Amino acid sequence: MRASLRQLQIFEAVARELSYTRAAERLHLTQPAVFTQVRTLEEQIGADLIERIGKRLYLTEAGETVRAAAREMLGEIERMEARLSELKGLSAGRLRLAAVSTAQYDAPALLGTFCRAHPGIEVALKVGNRGELLARFAANEDDLYILGTVPEELDAESFAFAENPLVLIAPPEHPLAKLHTIAPAQLAGEPFVMRETGSGTRIATERYLAAHGLAPNLRLELGANAAIRQAVIAGLGIAVLSRSTVALELELGRLVALDVSGFPIVRAWHVAWPRGKRLAPAAQAFLAQLRGAFS
């Protein structure tokens, strides 16, 4: 068998995504090219690696075996590249960063500063919801992870590097928009637009309401902050979002931050990485930048 590293990389992506289309997007290839590489690998191995049942893809027993070996080999290559980067210092190397979707408004500025200081470093940023980031963390797919709150059960090292205040937003014509020092009890019955279950922002919102004896009146659940902004502007309810997420809309008067007791909810951005992970020089330099910014 003469499977190439590229074939193993493509197969591992398909095995992880269980989708030729998503794997192709991740690898910046066409879907037919990905499919052809997997079929060629199956022919070289002499066994089916993937089977389709209905509309879903599943790994066969041989596929599970090849995926485990592929991840081990690809991981060893990454470790080799990291060691070589250490020999080169910060003149070359790679930084793989993953951030929750709410942080997508803050992360680019941080990366801009870093890239100007280290132009030889290749940087990749993956944005996803909290669940997706935790899955990537478990699979050790990135160097560093930016989250609002690091779960206690996560075997990670972390530190806070920036403030992340959460504000309660409403359209300017909302009855509470003109009031000051609003009591939490006045939120009773107000329809809320929220992120998906498990979102850090939603967890913070539910904790605030519970602390004041309130239950959320959920009108709409959306998986993106931009969609929540538009829903609030359209008058579908009020919502809690990171101030950076709605800074422009607040400045333009399309949204208002309600003056409710206990808001803004004070939170912080955290950077985390697997405990015991040997960080490449690029990741160490980025951590040093974050520590300097918060000190």
Protein backbone atom coordinates (compact mmCIF):
# COMPACT_ATOMS: atom_id res chain seq x y z
CA MET A 1 0.00 0.00 0.00
CA ARG A 2 1.33 3.44 -0.95
CA ALA A 3 -1.01 5.90 0.68
CA SER A 4 0.29 9.46 0.54
CA LEU A 5 0.20 11.88 3.45
CA ARG A 6 -2.13 14.08 1.43
CA GLN A 7 -4.57 11.20 1.00
CA LEU A 8 -4.47 10.51 4.73
CA GLN A 9 -5.01 14.20 5.49
CA ILE A 10 -8.04 14.31 3.18
CA PHE A 11 -9.48 11.07 4.57
CA GLU A 12 -9.01 12.27 8.16
CA ALA A 13 -10.93 15.46 7.34
CA VAL A 14 -13.79 13.47 5.81
CA ALA A 15 -13.79 11.08 8.77
CA ARG A 16 -13.96 13.99 11.20
CA GLU A 17 -16.68 15.90 9.36
CA LEU A 18 -18.53 12.82 8.02
CA SER A 19 -19.20 14.97 4.99
CA TYR A 20 -17.31 15.27 1.71
CA THR A 21 -18.62 18.80 1.24
CA ARG A 22 -17.55 20.12 4.67
CA ALA A 23 -14.17 18.39 4.37
CA ALA A 24 -13.66 20.02 0.97
CA GLU A 25 -14.49 23.45 2.41
CA ARG A 26 -12.08 22.91 5.27
CA LEU A 27 -9.26 21.83 2.93
CA HIS A 28 -10.07 24.44 0.25
CA LEU A 29 -10.63 21.71 -2.35
CA THR A 30 -13.53 20.76 -4.56
CA GLN A 31 -15.92 18.06 -3.39
CA PRO A 32 -15.16 15.77 -6.40
CA ALA A 33 -11.42 16.02 -5.68
CA VAL A 34 -11.95 14.95 -2.07
CA PHE A 35 -14.22 12.08 -3.09
CA THR A 36 -11.70 10.87 -5.69
CA GLN A 37 -8.82 10.89 -3.19
CA VAL A 38 -10.81 8.83 -0.68
CA ARG A 39 -11.85 6.31 -3.35
CA THR A 40 -8.22 6.02 -4.50
CA LEU A 41 -7.15 5.39 -0.91
CA GLU A 42 -9.80 2.67 -0.55
CA GLU A 43 -8.55 0.99 -3.73
CA GLN A 44 -4.96 1.10 -2.49
CA ILE A 45 -5.93 -0.35 0.89
CA GLY A 46 -8.33 -2.87 -0.61
CA ALA A 47 -11.19 -2.10 1.78
CA ASP A 48 -14.13 0.25 2.08
CA LEU A 49 -13.41 3.01 4.58
CA ILE A 50 -16.69 4.90 4.41
CA GLU A 51 -20.24 3.69 3.89
CA ARG A 52 -23.36 5.72 3.17
CA ILE A 53 -26.62 4.83 4.91
CA GLY A 54 -29.41 7.08 3.75
CA LYS A 55 -27.99 10.57 3.64
CA ARG A 56 -25.32 10.02 6.31
CA LEU A 57 -21.74 8.80 6.12
CA TYR A 58 -20.30 6.28 8.57
CA LEU A 59 -16.80 4.89 9.05
CA THR A 60 -16.37 1.16 8.56
CA GLU A 61 -14.18 -0.84 10.93
CA ALA A 62 -11.33 -0.44 8.46
CA GLY A 63 -12.08 3.26 8.28
CA GLU A 64 -11.79 3.62 12.06
CA THR A 65 -8.43 1.85 11.96
CA VAL A 66 -7.10 4.06 9.15
CA ARG A 67 -8.41 7.22 10.83
CA ALA A 68 -6.60 6.39 14.10
CA ALA A 69 -3.35 5.74 12.22
CA ALA A 70 -3.78 8.88 10.10
CA ARG A 71 -4.32 11.09 13.16
CA GLU A 72 -1.23 9.63 14.79
CA MET A 73 0.94 10.20 11.73
CA LEU A 74 -0.39 13.68 11.02
CA GLY A 75 0.04 14.59 14.69
CA GLU A 76 3.65 13.43 14.59
CA ILE A 77 4.28 15.60 11.53
CA GLU A 78 2.81 18.61 13.34
CA ARG A 79 5.06 17.92 16.33
CA MET A 80 8.04 17.72 13.97
CA GLU A 81 7.07 21.04 12.40
CA ALA A 82 6.73 22.59 15.86
CA ARG A 83 10.21 21.41 16.83
CA LEU A 84 11.65 22.77 13.60
CA SER A 85 9.90 26.09 14.27
CA GLU A 86 11.58 26.21 17.66
CA LEU A 87 14.94 25.94 15.91
CA LYS A 88 13.99 28.85 13.63
CA GLY A 89 12.62 31.02 16.43
CA LEU A 90 9.84 33.41 15.42
CA SER A 91 11.01 34.00 11.87
CA ALA A 92 8.68 31.19 10.74
CA GLY A 93 6.02 28.91 12.14
CA ARG A 94 2.28 28.65 12.53
CA LEU A 95 -0.35 29.75 15.05
CA ARG A 96 -3.71 27.96 15.06
CA LEU A 97 -6.30 29.87 17.04
CA ALA A 98 -9.94 28.94 17.67
CA ALA A 99 -12.44 31.42 19.11
CA VAL A 100 -16.10 31.39 20.08
CA SER A 101 -18.25 33.33 17.64
CA THR A 102 -18.79 36.22 20.05
CA ALA A 103 -15.03 36.83 20.10
CA GLN A 104 -14.83 37.24 16.32
CA TYR A 105 -15.13 41.00 16.81
CA ASP A 106 -12.11 41.14 19.16
CA ALA A 107 -9.83 38.39 17.84
CA PRO A 108 -8.89 40.03 14.50
CA ALA A 109 -7.50 43.11 16.27
CA LEU A 110 -5.37 40.89 18.50
CA LEU A 111 -4.13 38.92 15.52
CA GLY A 112 -3.40 42.12 13.59
CA THR A 113 -1.07 43.29 16.34
CA PHE A 114 0.58 39.87 16.46
CA CYS A 115 1.06 39.59 12.69
CA ARG A 116 2.63 43.04 12.48
CA ALA A 117 5.13 42.02 15.15
CA HIS A 118 5.77 38.58 13.60
CA PRO A 119 5.17 38.78 9.83
CA GLY A 120 6.76 35.38 9.21
CA ILE A 121 4.18 33.49 11.26
CA GLU A 122 1.30 31.83 9.40
CA VAL A 123 -1.95 32.39 11.32
CA ALA A 124 -5.22 30.46 11.07
CA LEU A 125 -8.38 31.48 12.96
CA LYS A 126 -11.34 29.11 13.35
CA VAL A 127 -14.60 30.60 14.66
CA GLY A 128 -17.38 28.42 16.07
CA ASN A 129 -19.92 28.14 18.85
CA ARG A 130 -18.96 26.99 22.32
CA GLY A 131 -19.81 23.34 21.63
CA GLU A 132 -17.72 23.29 18.47
CA LEU A 133 -14.74 24.82 20.28
CA LEU A 134 -14.91 22.30 23.11
CA ALA A 135 -14.98 19.49 20.54
CA ARG A 136 -11.92 20.97 18.82
CA PHE A 137 -10.23 21.28 22.22
CA ALA A 138 -10.90 17.60 22.97
CA ALA A 139 -9.40 16.66 19.59
CA ASN A 140 -6.39 18.99 20.12
CA GLU A 141 -6.98 20.61 16.74
CA ASP A 142 -5.60 24.06 17.59
CA ASP A 143 -2.87 25.71 19.62
CA LEU A 144 -5.00 28.12 21.66
CA TYR A 145 -8.70 28.66 22.34
CA ILE A 146 -10.52 31.89 23.19
CA LEU A 147 -13.67 31.47 25.29
CA GLY A 148 -15.79 33.56 27.60
CA THR A 149 -15.69 30.98 30.37
CA VAL A 150 -13.46 27.91 30.61
CA PRO A 151 -15.47 24.91 31.92
CA GLU A 152 -14.18 23.66 35.26
CA GLU A 153 -14.15 20.08 34.00
CA LEU A 154 -11.85 20.99 31.11
CA ASP A 155 -8.29 19.81 31.68
CA ALA A 156 -6.79 23.10 30.61
CA GLU A 157 -4.46 25.89 31.52
CA SER A 158 -5.93 29.36 31.03
CA PHE A 159 -5.93 33.00 32.04
CA ALA A 160 -8.13 36.06 31.51
CA PHE A 161 -6.77 38.62 29.07
CA ALA A 162 -9.56 41.16 28.40
CA GLU A 163 -12.87 42.35 29.74
CA ASN A 164 -16.05 41.20 28.00
CA PRO A 165 -19.05 43.12 29.39
CA LEU A 166 -22.50 41.80 28.45
CA VAL A 167 -25.27 44.34 27.83
CA LEU A 168 -29.04 43.94 27.64
CA ILE A 169 -30.18 45.37 24.32
CA ALA A 170 -33.53 46.48 22.94
CA PRO A 171 -34.81 48.52 20.00
CA PRO A 172 -34.93 52.30 20.72
CA GLU A 173 -38.75 52.30 20.67
CA HIS A 174 -39.00 49.67 23.43
CA PRO A 175 -41.00 50.84 26.51
CA LEU A 176 -37.99 50.28 28.78
CA ALA A 177 -35.55 52.16 26.52
CA LYS A 178 -36.21 55.60 28.09
CA LEU A 179 -36.15 54.41 31.71
CA HIS A 180 -33.25 54.55 34.15
CA THR A 181 -32.21 52.17 36.93
CA ILE A 182 -34.67 49.50 35.82
CA ALA A 183 -35.39 46.85 38.45
CA PRO A 184 -34.83 43.23 37.32
CA ALA A 185 -38.47 42.46 38.20
CA GLN A 186 -39.54 44.71 35.31
CA LEU A 187 -38.07 42.14 32.92
CA ALA A 188 -40.69 39.57 33.94
CA GLY A 189 -42.60 38.45 30.88
CA GLU A 190 -40.34 40.28 28.43
CA PRO A 191 -39.67 38.07 25.37
CA PHE A 192 -36.00 37.16 24.99
CA VAL A 193 -33.98 36.27 21.91
CA MET A 194 -31.17 33.90 22.93
CA ARG A 195 -28.27 31.87 21.62
CA GLU A 196 -28.37 28.08 21.58
CA THR A 197 -28.33 26.02 24.78
CA GLY A 198 -24.76 25.78 26.12
CA SER A 199 -23.71 29.19 24.80
CA GLY A 200 -21.68 31.15 27.33
CA THR A 201 -23.81 34.24 26.78
CA ARG A 202 -27.01 32.27 27.31
CA ILE A 203 -25.63 30.66 30.47
CA ALA A 204 -24.79 34.11 31.87
CA THR A 205 -28.27 35.40 30.99
CA GLU A 206 -30.05 32.47 32.61
CA ARG A 207 -27.93 32.79 35.75
CA TYR A 208 -28.76 36.49 36.03
CA LEU A 209 -32.49 35.86 35.66
CA ALA A 210 -32.45 32.94 38.09
CA ALA A 211 -30.59 35.04 40.68
CA HIS A 212 -33.51 37.48 40.58
CA GLY A 213 -36.21 34.82 40.67
CA LEU A 214 -37.06 35.12 36.98
CA ALA A 215 -37.46 32.52 34.26
CA PRO A 216 -36.61 33.50 30.66
CA ASN A 217 -39.54 34.02 28.33
CA LEU A 218 -37.82 32.58 25.27
CA ARG A 219 -39.39 33.78 22.04
CA LEU A 220 -36.61 32.93 19.64
CA GLU A 221 -33.41 30.86 19.71
CA LEU A 222 -30.75 31.69 17.14
CA GLY A 223 -27.26 30.35 16.54
CA ALA A 224 -25.54 33.57 15.49
CA ASN A 225 -25.04 36.94 17.15
CA ALA A 226 -25.71 38.81 13.90
CA ALA A 227 -29.10 37.12 13.62
CA ILE A 228 -29.91 38.04 17.23
CA ARG A 229 -29.02 41.69 16.54
CA GLN A 230 -31.38 41.79 13.59
CA ALA A 231 -34.15 40.06 15.55
CA VAL A 232 -33.93 42.65 18.33
CA ILE A 233 -33.88 45.51 15.82
CA ALA A 234 -37.02 43.99 14.30
CA GLY A 235 -38.74 44.11 17.68
CA LEU A 236 -38.89 40.36 18.28
CA GLY A 237 -37.54 40.66 21.82
CA ILE A 238 -34.66 41.80 23.99
CA ALA A 239 -31.30 40.04 24.24
CA VAL A 240 -28.02 39.88 26.12
CA LEU A 241 -24.91 40.17 23.96
CA SER A 242 -21.29 41.15 24.30
CA ARG A 243 -20.88 44.93 24.05
CA SER A 244 -18.33 44.52 21.25
CA THR A 245 -20.92 42.58 19.24
CA VAL A 246 -23.35 45.52 19.18
CA ALA A 247 -20.97 48.49 19.46
CA LEU A 248 -21.79 49.84 15.99
CA GLU A 249 -25.57 49.45 16.39
CA LEU A 250 -25.43 51.23 19.77
CA GLU A 251 -23.40 54.07 18.28
CA LEU A 252 -25.83 54.46 15.36
CA GLY A 253 -28.88 54.34 17.62
CA ARG A 254 -30.33 51.21 16.04
CA LEU A 255 -30.16 49.54 19.44
CA VAL A 256 -30.02 50.75 23.03
CA ALA A 257 -28.45 49.20 26.11
CA LEU A 258 -31.13 49.02 28.80
CA ASP A 259 -30.19 50.54 32.15
CA VAL A 260 -31.11 47.47 34.18
CA SER A 261 -29.67 46.89 37.65
CA GLY A 262 -26.83 44.39 37.44
CA PHE A 263 -25.90 45.27 33.85
CA PRO A 264 -23.50 45.19 32.25
CA ILE A 265 -22.66 41.69 33.44
CA VAL A 266 -18.91 41.76 33.99
CA ARG A 267 -17.13 38.89 32.28
CA ALA A 268 -13.71 38.34 30.78
CA TRP A 269 -12.24 36.70 27.73
CA HIS A 270 -10.03 33.71 28.52
CA VAL A 271 -7.38 31.96 26.49
CA ALA A 272 -6.97 28.25 27.13
CA TRP A 273 -4.88 25.33 25.95
CA PRO A 274 -4.64 21.64 26.91
CA ARG A 275 -2.78 21.12 30.17
CA GLY A 276 0.73 19.84 29.50
CA LYS A 277 0.64 20.78 25.80
CA ARG A 278 4.03 21.78 24.44
CA LEU A 279 3.35 25.13 22.84
CA ALA A 280 5.26 26.24 19.76
CA PRO A 281 7.14 29.56 19.90
CA ALA A 282 4.36 31.30 17.95
CA ALA A 283 1.74 30.28 20.52
CA GLN A 284 4.02 31.30 23.38
CA ALA A 285 4.57 34.71 21.76
CA PHE A 286 0.81 35.20 21.34
CA LEU A 287 0.24 34.34 25.01
CA ALA A 288 2.91 36.86 26.00
CA GLN A 289 1.09 39.51 23.95
CA LEU A 290 -2.22 38.73 25.67
CA ARG A 291 -0.63 38.85 29.13
CA GLY A 292 0.94 42.19 28.33
CA ALA A 293 -2.35 43.63 27.10
CA PHE A 294 -4.19 42.73 30.32
CA SER A 295 -1.45 43.69 32.76
